[in-house]
Amino acid sequence: MAEQTTERTHVDASPERCYEVAIDFEAYPEWAKDVKDVKVVERDDEGRGRHVEFRAAAMGRSVTYTLEYDYSKAPAEFSWTLVKGDLMKRLDGTYRFDADGDGTRVTYDLAVDLALPLPGLVKRRAEAKIVGSALKELKKRVEG
């Protein structure tokens, strides 16, 4: 069963700027510490990554996974689903960008189901770490 987490943060930048940084997948290794390599396998008609392959550090090892992105609600939000992965059976999520005063409230929803049999508490902690780190690193990149 997939564990699900939602977390929010305020970013001192426009929703458009947050969105731009979040979909610049090839720059992730510059600022997302666990992402080691990114390859955009397929782009949509607007040049955005439709199928994107990631190599990341997770649980003490290197994992590879491919996500398919949906921009039907962009730039207010975009979502993804796992196409294939060597450690996950599910890695589906959404970023939402809502104007919030002078900045943006960024919401990150993530559902993870690992291929490894782990206790629920361990899965939830891993998921919370992924979401929390992603939001902190996105905030730092956008505001920096």
Foldseek 3Di string as FASTA:
>chain_A
DWDKDKDKDWAQAALVLLLVLVQPVQCCVVFQVFWPGKDQPDADPVRTRQKMWTWGDAPNDIKIWIWGKDQPVPPQKIKIWTPDIDWWPTWIKMWGWDDDVNTTMIMIMIITHTPDDDDPVVNVVRVCCVVVSVVVRSRVVSRD
